[in-house]
């Protein structure tokens, strides 16, 4: 074979090796991108769950506040009733 043909075959082999290396890198990048996409999806799902839990906690906190106010109002009414009863009973002598 001529030197020109040998050089051309050598260049073709080199190009083929470079193409194979590039293909391997592209395949690795695709796998990494897929893994990152999956991880991001899991993070989003976890974030959504945390947000939902925080919303529920906020609602429960509001309910607890309302219940606390109700208990406080009832205690104040009972204290007033006790004072009223004490006043009524003070009119009687035993």
Protein backbone atom coordinates (compact mmCIF):
# COMPACT_ATOMS: atom_id res chain seq x y z
CA UNK A 1 0.00 0.00 0.00
CA UNK A 2 1.05 3.51 -0.51
CA UNK A 3 2.01 5.85 2.29
CA UNK A 4 -0.99 8.05 1.53
CA UNK A 5 -3.40 5.13 1.91
CA UNK A 6 -1.72 4.02 5.15
CA UNK A 7 -1.96 7.58 6.49
CA UNK A 8 -5.63 7.74 5.54
CA UNK A 9 -6.35 4.40 7.26
CA UNK A 10 -4.48 5.55 10.35
CA UNK A 11 -6.49 8.78 10.43
CA UNK A 12 -9.72 6.82 10.02
CA UNK A 13 -8.75 4.56 12.95
CA UNK A 14 -7.93 7.62 15.06
CA UNK A 15 -11.24 9.24 14.13
CA UNK A 16 -13.09 6.01 14.93
CA UNK A 17 -11.43 5.82 18.37
CA UNK A 18 -12.31 9.47 19.03
CA UNK A 19 -15.93 8.85 17.98
CA UNK A 20 -16.14 5.83 20.28
CA UNK A 21 -14.70 7.86 23.17
CA UNK A 22 -17.20 10.65 22.51
CA UNK A 23 -20.05 8.13 22.36
CA UNK A 24 -19.00 6.66 25.71
CA UNK A 25 -18.86 10.13 27.30
CA UNK A 26 -22.28 11.01 25.87
CA UNK A 27 -23.72 7.78 27.25
CA UNK A 28 -22.26 8.53 30.71
CA UNK A 29 -23.66 12.06 30.59
CA UNK A 30 -27.08 10.73 29.63
CA UNK A 31 -27.00 8.34 32.58
CA UNK A 32 -25.91 11.17 34.91
CA UNK A 33 -28.66 13.43 33.58
CA UNK A 34 -31.22 10.71 34.11
CA UNK A 35 -30.02 10.16 37.68
CA UNK A 36 -30.11 13.91 38.38
CA UNK A 37 -33.62 14.14 36.96
CA UNK A 38 -34.77 11.29 39.20
CA UNK A 39 -33.13 12.89 42.25
CA UNK A 40 -34.74 16.25 41.48
CA UNK A 41 -38.12 14.53 41.19
CA UNK A 42 -37.62 12.94 44.61
CA UNK A 43 -36.58 16.28 46.11
CA UNK A 44 -39.68 17.93 44.65
CA UNK A 45 -41.90 15.21 46.06
CA UNK A 46 -40.28 15.55 49.50
CA UNK A 47 -40.64 19.33 49.36
CA UNK A 48 -44.32 18.99 48.45
CA UNK A 49 -44.86 16.59 51.37
CA UNK A 50 -43.09 18.96 53.78
CA UNK A 51 -45.19 21.86 52.53
CA UNK A 52 -48.37 19.85 52.99
CA UNK A 53 -47.31 18.84 56.51
CA UNK A 54 -46.54 22.45 57.42
CA UNK A 55 -49.96 23.52 56.14
CA UNK A 56 -51.60 20.83 58.29
CA UNK A 57 -49.54 21.91 61.32
CA UNK A 58 -50.61 25.50 60.77
CA UNK A 59 -54.26 24.45 60.65
CA UNK A 60 -53.85 22.38 63.83
CA UNK A 61 -52.14 25.32 65.53
CA UNK A 62 -55.05 27.58 64.61
CA UNK A 63 -57.51 25.02 65.96
CA UNK A 64 -55.53 24.74 69.20
CA UNK A 65 -55.56 28.52 69.52
CA UNK A 66 -59.33 28.59 69.02
CA UNK A 67 -59.79 25.84 71.61
CA UNK A 68 -57.53 27.71 74.05
CA UNK A 69 -59.61 30.86 73.61
CA UNK A 70 -62.79 28.89 74.17
CA UNK A 71 -61.42 27.30 77.34
CA UNK A 72 -60.30 30.73 78.57
CA UNK A 73 -63.75 32.21 77.90
CA UNK A 74 -65.41 29.29 79.69
CA UNK A 75 -63.09 29.70 82.68
CA UNK A 76 -63.91 33.41 82.86
CA UNK A 77 -67.64 32.64 82.71
CA UNK A 78 -67.25 30.04 85.46
CA UNK A 79 -65.33 32.56 87.61
CA UNK A 80 -68.11 35.12 87.13
CA UNK A 81 -70.73 32.49 87.95
CA UNK A 82 -68.80 31.50 91.08
CA UNK A 83 -68.66 35.14 92.18
CA UNK A 84 -72.39 35.51 91.50
CA UNK A 85 -73.11 32.34 93.48
CA UNK A 86 -70.90 33.57 96.31
CA UNK A 87 -72.83 36.85 96.40
CA UNK A 88 -76.16 35.01 96.46
CA UNK A 89 -75.01 32.64 99.20
CA UNK A 90 -73.68 35.50 101.31
CA UNK A 91 -77.29 36.57 101.90
CA UNK A 92 -78.01 33.34 103.72
CA UNK A 93 -76.77 32.53 107.17
CA UNK A 94 -76.22 29.10 108.43
